[in-house]
Amino acid sequence: MSQRIGVCSWSLRPGSVEELVRNLKTVGVSAVQLALDPLRTGEWQTDQTIGSLRDAGIEIRSGMIGMAGEDYSTLASIRRTGGVRVDEHWEANLSAASESAAIAGRNAIDLVTLHAGFLPHERGDASRSVMIERLRAIVDRFAAHGVNVGFETGQETADTLLDVLDELGRPSVGVNFDPANMILYAMGDPVAALEKLAPRVVQIHIKDAIGTDTPGTWGKEVPAGSGEVDWPAFFNVVRAHRLECDLMIERETPGDRVVEIRQARDLVQRLLLQEGSARP
């Protein structure tokens, strides 16, 4: 699989697949990470969505799923409600993941990413054991359809995530590395984290942020290149480890997202220019 620069579909806030296609073309990319929940719920018709993207020359490089009941209003609320942690939503989340796995498998989408939730650091922690069993169940549902899974970084340190992946014991799961999340959640330096996680990275989100001065509160997401991610150092790690994974631009806060995503695309292309390793 050749490396591609693309955009996360939800970052463009499309009201329809036609609008998504227009915005992707305006941004100047022909690859997308596609949110699968609108397809699963019927908000978007699966065959029409997949067909329209492919007819437009847009390659679906991966999918994304969310979890029921997630509350991102504060760090404390997402710590309680994120990923597979909440008992009351577990059966619904497993059912939704199974449906999304079938959609991905039928449509040759071979990677789907998600937030696992805040993973406890210590082996033997009762809540960690429950979460790992739930994550195994989700990963196995996707693997049955030939689909790999990527856990998104940020809600735990790189060391904790590596240890969880080892304990999980599933070859079809890796890391969707989001450098901004490391800053937003105050979970470590993104360059150092990428160095540790590189052998398990299956996709990278291009997103930037500024850390908070008040512990326990959110940092601030900012346009790529204007935050605290050291992008030249970050891409030095990408090159050193010969990471051929896709680079998906994500933007989730107010602003002119089309303009900011184009700026992020230009930043990535400049950083990769000496390698000539990625296509828009």
Foldseek 3Di string as FASTA:
>chain_A
DFAAEAAEQVQQVDQALVRSLVLRVLLPGQEYAYECVCCLVVVYPLVVNLVVSVVSNRHYAAYEYAFPPADVPWPVRNLCGGACQDPVRLVVRLVSLLSSLVSCLVSVRAEYEYALHQADQDPPPPSNVVSLVSVLSSQVSNVVSNHAYAHEDQNAALNSVVVSVVVSPDPRYAHAYEQQSCQFNVRDHSLVSCLSRVVRHQHYEQWAWEHDPDPRGTTGTDQRPPHDRPVLSNVVSCVVSVPRHYYYYHDDDDDDSSVSSSVSVVVVCVSCVVVPRYYD
